[in-house]
N, C-alpha and C. Protein backbone atom coordinates (compact mmCIF):
# COMPACT_ATOMS: atom_id res chain seq x y z
N UNK A 1 183.26 94.27 -27.06
CA UNK A 1 184.69 94.24 -26.96
C UNK A 1 185.29 93.59 -28.21
N UNK A 2 184.60 92.63 -28.78
CA UNK A 2 185.09 92.02 -30.01
C UNK A 2 185.31 93.07 -31.09
N UNK A 3 184.35 93.95 -31.23
CA UNK A 3 184.41 94.98 -32.27
C UNK A 3 185.48 96.03 -31.97
N UNK A 4 185.67 96.37 -30.70
CA UNK A 4 186.61 97.43 -30.34
C UNK A 4 188.05 96.95 -30.29
N UNK A 5 188.29 95.84 -29.62
CA UNK A 5 189.67 95.37 -29.43
C UNK A 5 190.17 94.46 -30.54
N UNK A 6 189.28 93.69 -31.12
CA UNK A 6 189.69 92.70 -32.12
C UNK A 6 188.87 92.80 -33.40
N UNK A 7 188.80 93.98 -33.99
CA UNK A 7 187.95 94.14 -35.17
C UNK A 7 188.40 93.31 -36.37
N UNK A 8 189.70 93.03 -36.47
CA UNK A 8 190.23 92.30 -37.61
C UNK A 8 190.27 90.78 -37.38
N UNK A 9 190.08 90.36 -36.14
CA UNK A 9 190.20 88.93 -35.81
C UNK A 9 189.04 88.14 -36.39
N UNK A 10 189.38 87.02 -37.01
CA UNK A 10 188.34 86.12 -37.52
C UNK A 10 187.77 85.31 -36.36
N UNK A 11 188.66 84.77 -35.51
CA UNK A 11 188.26 84.02 -34.32
C UNK A 11 189.00 84.56 -33.11
N UNK A 12 188.30 84.64 -32.00
CA UNK A 12 188.91 85.04 -30.74
C UNK A 12 188.74 83.87 -29.78
N UNK A 13 189.87 83.38 -29.27
CA UNK A 13 189.83 82.29 -28.29
C UNK A 13 189.55 82.90 -26.92
N UNK A 14 188.54 82.39 -26.29
CA UNK A 14 188.10 82.93 -25.01
C UNK A 14 188.13 81.80 -23.99
N UNK A 15 188.90 81.99 -22.92
CA UNK A 15 188.99 81.00 -21.85
C UNK A 15 188.14 81.50 -20.70
N UNK A 16 187.17 80.68 -20.29
CA UNK A 16 186.24 81.08 -19.23
C UNK A 16 186.02 79.94 -18.25
N UNK A 17 185.64 80.31 -17.05
CA UNK A 17 185.24 79.28 -16.11
C UNK A 17 183.82 78.85 -16.43
N UNK A 18 183.27 77.98 -15.63
CA UNK A 18 181.97 77.38 -15.93
C UNK A 18 180.80 78.11 -15.28
N UNK A 19 180.93 79.38 -15.02
CA UNK A 19 179.84 80.16 -14.47
C UNK A 19 178.65 80.10 -15.42
N UNK A 20 177.45 80.03 -14.86
CA UNK A 20 176.26 79.83 -15.70
C UNK A 20 176.04 80.96 -16.72
N UNK A 21 176.57 82.14 -16.48
CA UNK A 21 176.40 83.23 -17.44
C UNK A 21 177.44 83.18 -18.56
N UNK A 22 178.42 82.31 -18.43
CA UNK A 22 179.47 82.21 -19.44
C UNK A 22 179.08 81.21 -20.51
N UNK A 23 178.07 81.55 -21.24
CA UNK A 23 177.59 80.68 -22.31
C UNK A 23 177.13 81.54 -23.48
N UNK A 24 177.11 80.93 -24.65
CA UNK A 24 176.66 81.64 -25.85
C UNK A 24 175.24 82.18 -25.67
N UNK A 25 174.43 81.47 -24.89
CA UNK A 25 173.05 81.91 -24.66
C UNK A 25 173.00 83.34 -24.11
N UNK A 26 174.02 83.75 -23.36
CA UNK A 26 174.05 85.11 -22.82
C UNK A 26 174.11 86.16 -23.92
N UNK A 27 174.74 85.82 -25.04
CA UNK A 27 174.76 86.75 -26.16
C UNK A 27 173.35 86.99 -26.69
N UNK A 28 172.56 85.92 -26.74
CA UNK A 28 171.19 86.03 -27.25
C UNK A 28 170.28 86.79 -26.28
N UNK A 29 170.65 86.82 -25.01
CA UNK A 29 169.88 87.61 -24.04
C UNK A 29 170.21 89.09 -24.14
N UNK A 30 171.39 89.39 -24.70
CA UNK A 30 171.87 90.77 -24.75
C UNK A 30 171.67 91.43 -26.10
N UNK A 31 171.85 90.66 -27.17
CA UNK A 31 171.80 91.21 -28.53
C UNK A 31 170.67 90.60 -29.34
N UNK A 32 170.25 91.27 -30.41
CA UNK A 32 169.28 90.66 -31.32
C UNK A 32 169.87 89.37 -31.90
N UNK A 33 169.03 88.41 -32.26
CA UNK A 33 169.52 87.09 -32.71
C UNK A 33 170.58 87.12 -33.80
N UNK A 34 170.41 87.96 -34.80
CA UNK A 34 171.38 88.01 -35.90
C UNK A 34 172.75 88.48 -35.39
N UNK A 35 172.74 89.51 -34.56
CA UNK A 35 173.98 90.05 -34.00
C UNK A 35 174.62 89.03 -33.06
N UNK A 36 173.83 88.37 -32.22
CA UNK A 36 174.35 87.36 -31.30
C UNK A 36 175.01 86.23 -32.08
N UNK A 37 174.38 85.77 -33.15
CA UNK A 37 174.94 84.69 -33.97
C UNK A 37 176.27 85.10 -34.61
N UNK A 38 176.31 86.34 -35.11
CA UNK A 38 177.53 86.86 -35.74
C UNK A 38 178.67 86.89 -34.73
N UNK A 39 178.39 87.37 -33.52
CA UNK A 39 179.42 87.41 -32.47
C UNK A 39 179.82 86.00 -32.04
N UNK A 40 178.85 85.14 -31.87
CA UNK A 40 179.13 83.76 -31.44
C UNK A 40 180.02 83.04 -32.45
N UNK A 41 179.82 83.31 -33.72
CA UNK A 41 180.63 82.67 -34.76
C UNK A 41 182.09 83.10 -34.70
N UNK A 42 182.35 84.24 -34.09
CA UNK A 42 183.73 84.74 -33.98
C UNK A 42 184.44 84.24 -32.73
N UNK A 43 183.71 83.58 -31.84
CA UNK A 43 184.30 83.11 -30.59
C UNK A 43 184.62 81.63 -30.63
N UNK A 44 185.77 81.29 -30.09
CA UNK A 44 186.14 79.89 -29.86
C UNK A 44 186.31 79.78 -28.34
N UNK A 45 185.32 79.19 -27.69
CA UNK A 45 185.29 79.17 -26.23
C UNK A 45 185.93 77.89 -25.70
N UNK A 46 186.78 78.09 -24.70
CA UNK A 46 187.41 76.98 -23.99
C UNK A 46 187.07 77.16 -22.51
N UNK A 47 186.46 76.15 -21.93
CA UNK A 47 186.10 76.22 -20.51
C UNK A 47 187.18 75.57 -19.66
N UNK A 48 187.46 76.18 -18.53
CA UNK A 48 188.43 75.61 -17.60
C UNK A 48 187.78 74.41 -16.91
N UNK A 49 188.59 73.48 -16.40
CA UNK A 49 188.02 72.32 -15.70
C UNK A 49 187.20 72.76 -14.49
N UNK A 50 186.14 72.04 -14.21
CA UNK A 50 185.29 72.39 -13.07
C UNK A 50 186.00 72.16 -11.75
N UNK A 51 186.81 71.13 -11.69
CA UNK A 51 187.48 70.78 -10.43
C UNK A 51 188.98 70.75 -10.64
N UNK A 52 189.57 71.91 -10.83
CA UNK A 52 191.01 71.98 -11.06
C UNK A 52 191.66 72.77 -9.94
N UNK A 53 192.35 72.08 -9.03
CA UNK A 53 192.96 72.78 -7.90
C UNK A 53 194.01 73.78 -8.38
N UNK A 54 194.62 73.54 -9.54
CA UNK A 54 195.62 74.47 -10.06
C UNK A 54 194.98 75.81 -10.40
N UNK A 55 193.66 75.81 -10.67
CA UNK A 55 193.00 77.08 -10.97
C UNK A 55 193.02 78.01 -9.77
N UNK A 56 192.84 77.44 -8.58
CA UNK A 56 192.88 78.27 -7.37
C UNK A 56 194.25 78.94 -7.25
N UNK A 57 195.30 78.20 -7.54
CA UNK A 57 196.65 78.74 -7.45
C UNK A 57 196.82 79.85 -8.48
N UNK A 58 196.36 79.63 -9.69
CA UNK A 58 196.47 80.65 -10.74
C UNK A 58 195.68 81.90 -10.35
N UNK A 59 194.49 81.73 -9.82
CA UNK A 59 193.68 82.88 -9.41
C UNK A 59 194.33 83.64 -8.27
N UNK A 60 194.92 82.92 -7.33
CA UNK A 60 195.62 83.57 -6.22
C UNK A 60 196.80 84.39 -6.76
N UNK A 61 197.54 83.81 -7.69
CA UNK A 61 198.71 84.50 -8.25
C UNK A 61 198.29 85.75 -9.02
N UNK A 62 197.23 85.64 -9.81
CA UNK A 62 196.75 86.82 -10.55
C UNK A 62 196.22 87.89 -9.61
N UNK A 63 195.57 87.47 -8.54
CA UNK A 63 195.09 88.43 -7.55
C UNK A 63 196.26 89.15 -6.88
N UNK A 64 197.32 88.39 -6.55
CA UNK A 64 198.51 89.00 -5.94
C UNK A 64 199.16 89.98 -6.92
N UNK A 65 199.29 89.59 -8.18
CA UNK A 65 199.85 90.49 -9.19
C UNK A 65 199.05 91.79 -9.26
N UNK A 66 197.74 91.66 -9.27
CA UNK A 66 196.88 92.84 -9.35
C UNK A 66 197.06 93.74 -8.13
N UNK A 67 196.99 93.16 -6.93
CA UNK A 67 197.04 93.99 -5.73
C UNK A 67 198.44 94.52 -5.42
N UNK A 68 199.47 93.76 -5.76
CA UNK A 68 200.83 94.17 -5.41
C UNK A 68 201.54 94.97 -6.50
N UNK A 69 201.06 94.87 -7.72
CA UNK A 69 201.82 95.49 -8.82
C UNK A 69 200.96 96.37 -9.73
N UNK A 70 199.75 95.97 -10.01
CA UNK A 70 198.98 96.65 -11.05
C UNK A 70 197.90 97.61 -10.55
N UNK A 71 197.71 97.72 -9.27
CA UNK A 71 196.63 98.54 -8.75
C UNK A 71 197.02 100.01 -8.67
N UNK A 72 197.50 100.52 -9.75
CA UNK A 72 197.87 101.94 -9.85
C UNK A 72 198.04 102.29 -11.31
N UNK A 73 198.18 103.52 -11.58
CA UNK A 73 198.36 103.95 -12.98
C UNK A 73 199.78 103.66 -13.41
N UNK A 74 199.93 102.96 -14.51
CA UNK A 74 201.24 102.68 -15.09
C UNK A 74 201.27 103.41 -16.42
N UNK A 75 202.28 104.29 -16.62
CA UNK A 75 202.23 105.23 -17.74
C UNK A 75 202.29 104.64 -19.15
N UNK A 76 202.99 103.51 -19.31
CA UNK A 76 203.12 102.96 -20.66
C UNK A 76 203.40 101.46 -20.59
N UNK A 77 203.30 100.80 -21.73
CA UNK A 77 203.43 99.35 -21.80
C UNK A 77 204.83 98.89 -21.40
N UNK A 78 205.85 99.65 -21.75
CA UNK A 78 207.21 99.26 -21.40
C UNK A 78 207.42 99.30 -19.89
N UNK A 79 206.89 100.31 -19.23
CA UNK A 79 206.96 100.38 -17.77
C UNK A 79 206.22 99.20 -17.15
N UNK A 80 205.07 98.87 -17.72
CA UNK A 80 204.31 97.73 -17.19
C UNK A 80 205.10 96.44 -17.34
N UNK A 81 205.71 96.23 -18.50
CA UNK A 81 206.52 95.02 -18.71
C UNK A 81 207.66 94.95 -17.69
N UNK A 82 208.33 96.05 -17.51
CA UNK A 82 209.46 96.11 -16.59
C UNK A 82 209.01 95.83 -15.15
N UNK A 83 207.92 96.46 -14.74
CA UNK A 83 207.46 96.30 -13.37
C UNK A 83 206.87 94.92 -13.11
N UNK A 84 206.13 94.38 -14.06
CA UNK A 84 205.58 93.03 -13.86
C UNK A 84 206.70 91.99 -13.88
N UNK A 85 207.72 92.22 -14.70
CA UNK A 85 208.86 91.30 -14.73
C UNK A 85 209.60 91.34 -13.39
N UNK A 86 209.83 92.52 -12.85
CA UNK A 86 210.50 92.65 -11.55
C UNK A 86 209.65 92.00 -10.46
N UNK A 87 208.33 92.21 -10.50
CA UNK A 87 207.43 91.58 -9.52
C UNK A 87 207.52 90.07 -9.64
N UNK A 88 207.49 89.55 -10.86
CA UNK A 88 207.54 88.10 -11.08
C UNK A 88 208.87 87.51 -10.59
N UNK A 89 209.98 88.17 -10.89
CA UNK A 89 211.28 87.68 -10.43
C UNK A 89 211.34 87.64 -8.91
N UNK A 90 210.86 88.70 -8.28
CA UNK A 90 210.84 88.74 -6.81
C UNK A 90 209.97 87.61 -6.26
N UNK A 91 208.81 87.45 -6.84
CA UNK A 91 207.86 86.42 -6.38
C UNK A 91 208.45 85.01 -6.56
N UNK A 92 209.06 84.77 -7.72
CA UNK A 92 209.65 83.46 -7.98
C UNK A 92 210.85 83.17 -7.07
N UNK A 93 211.67 84.18 -6.83
CA UNK A 93 212.85 83.99 -5.98
C UNK A 93 212.48 83.81 -4.51
N UNK A 94 211.41 84.46 -4.09
CA UNK A 94 210.97 84.35 -2.71
C UNK A 94 210.39 82.97 -2.43
N UNK A 95 209.62 82.47 -3.38
CA UNK A 95 209.02 81.15 -3.23
C UNK A 95 207.88 81.16 -2.23
N UNK A 96 206.91 80.36 -2.49
CA UNK A 96 205.78 80.23 -1.58
C UNK A 96 205.30 78.78 -1.67
N UNK A 97 205.47 78.02 -0.59
CA UNK A 97 205.05 76.61 -0.64
C UNK A 97 203.54 76.48 -0.76
N UNK A 98 203.15 75.40 -1.39
CA UNK A 98 201.72 75.10 -1.53
C UNK A 98 201.44 73.84 -0.72
N UNK A 99 200.42 73.89 0.07
CA UNK A 99 200.04 72.75 0.90
C UNK A 99 198.94 71.98 0.17
N UNK A 100 199.34 70.98 -0.62
CA UNK A 100 198.38 70.16 -1.34
C UNK A 100 197.66 69.26 -0.35
N UNK A 101 196.34 69.29 -0.39
CA UNK A 101 195.56 68.46 0.53
C UNK A 101 195.01 67.23 -0.15
N UNK A 102 195.00 67.21 -1.46
CA UNK A 102 194.48 66.07 -2.21
C UNK A 102 195.66 65.13 -2.46
N UNK A 103 195.73 64.07 -1.68
CA UNK A 103 196.87 63.16 -1.73
C UNK A 103 196.70 62.11 -2.83
N UNK A 104 197.77 61.39 -3.09
CA UNK A 104 197.71 60.29 -4.05
C UNK A 104 196.69 59.26 -3.60
N UNK A 105 196.66 58.98 -2.29
CA UNK A 105 195.70 58.02 -1.74
C UNK A 105 194.27 58.50 -2.00
N UNK A 106 194.01 59.80 -1.79
CA UNK A 106 192.69 60.37 -2.07
C UNK A 106 192.33 60.18 -3.54
N UNK A 107 193.31 60.43 -4.42
CA UNK A 107 193.07 60.31 -5.86
C UNK A 107 192.72 58.87 -6.22
N UNK A 108 193.42 57.92 -5.63
CA UNK A 108 193.15 56.51 -5.93
C UNK A 108 191.73 56.12 -5.53
N UNK A 109 191.24 56.70 -4.46
CA UNK A 109 189.87 56.40 -4.01
C UNK A 109 188.86 57.13 -4.89
N UNK A 110 189.04 58.42 -5.03
CA UNK A 110 188.06 59.23 -5.76
C UNK A 110 188.04 58.92 -7.26
N UNK A 111 189.17 58.59 -7.83
CA UNK A 111 189.27 58.39 -9.27
C UNK A 111 189.44 56.91 -9.64
N UNK A 112 189.00 56.04 -8.77
CA UNK A 112 189.16 54.61 -8.96
C UNK A 112 188.66 54.13 -10.33
N UNK A 113 187.53 54.66 -10.76
CA UNK A 113 186.94 54.22 -12.02
C UNK A 113 187.79 54.57 -13.23
N UNK A 114 188.73 55.51 -13.09
CA UNK A 114 189.58 55.93 -14.20
C UNK A 114 190.85 55.09 -14.35
N UNK A 115 191.16 54.32 -13.30
CA UNK A 115 192.40 53.54 -13.33
C UNK A 115 192.09 52.08 -13.65
N UNK A 116 192.94 51.47 -14.45
CA UNK A 116 192.73 50.05 -14.77
C UNK A 116 192.98 49.18 -13.54
N UNK A 117 192.31 48.08 -13.50
CA UNK A 117 192.52 47.12 -12.41
C UNK A 117 193.84 46.39 -12.66
N UNK A 118 194.66 46.29 -11.67
CA UNK A 118 195.94 45.60 -11.80
C UNK A 118 195.87 44.23 -11.19
């Protein structure tokens, strides 16, 4: 995909979760060493936090976008922009509450070592 979509890019920033296959080592399992190294040098990898509750919300939102708006043929980029914008406006105006279960009290207990003693 680097060669097809980003042939001119010197570096491609790649955001990935911490799945065990999401590592540079996977390139070496797939390509000859010289090719794997060349591809690896073009990637700037950023891993998402392992325990980020906001990631679940982002994944849910992207899943909703896909199933409610993008799961069909869209003829051109302008139509896609228009339709995703309309979907986003509707979604934002409708609102959907989030039930946070990790309370401040839970954080104080679990993250005690990160807070200074008062």
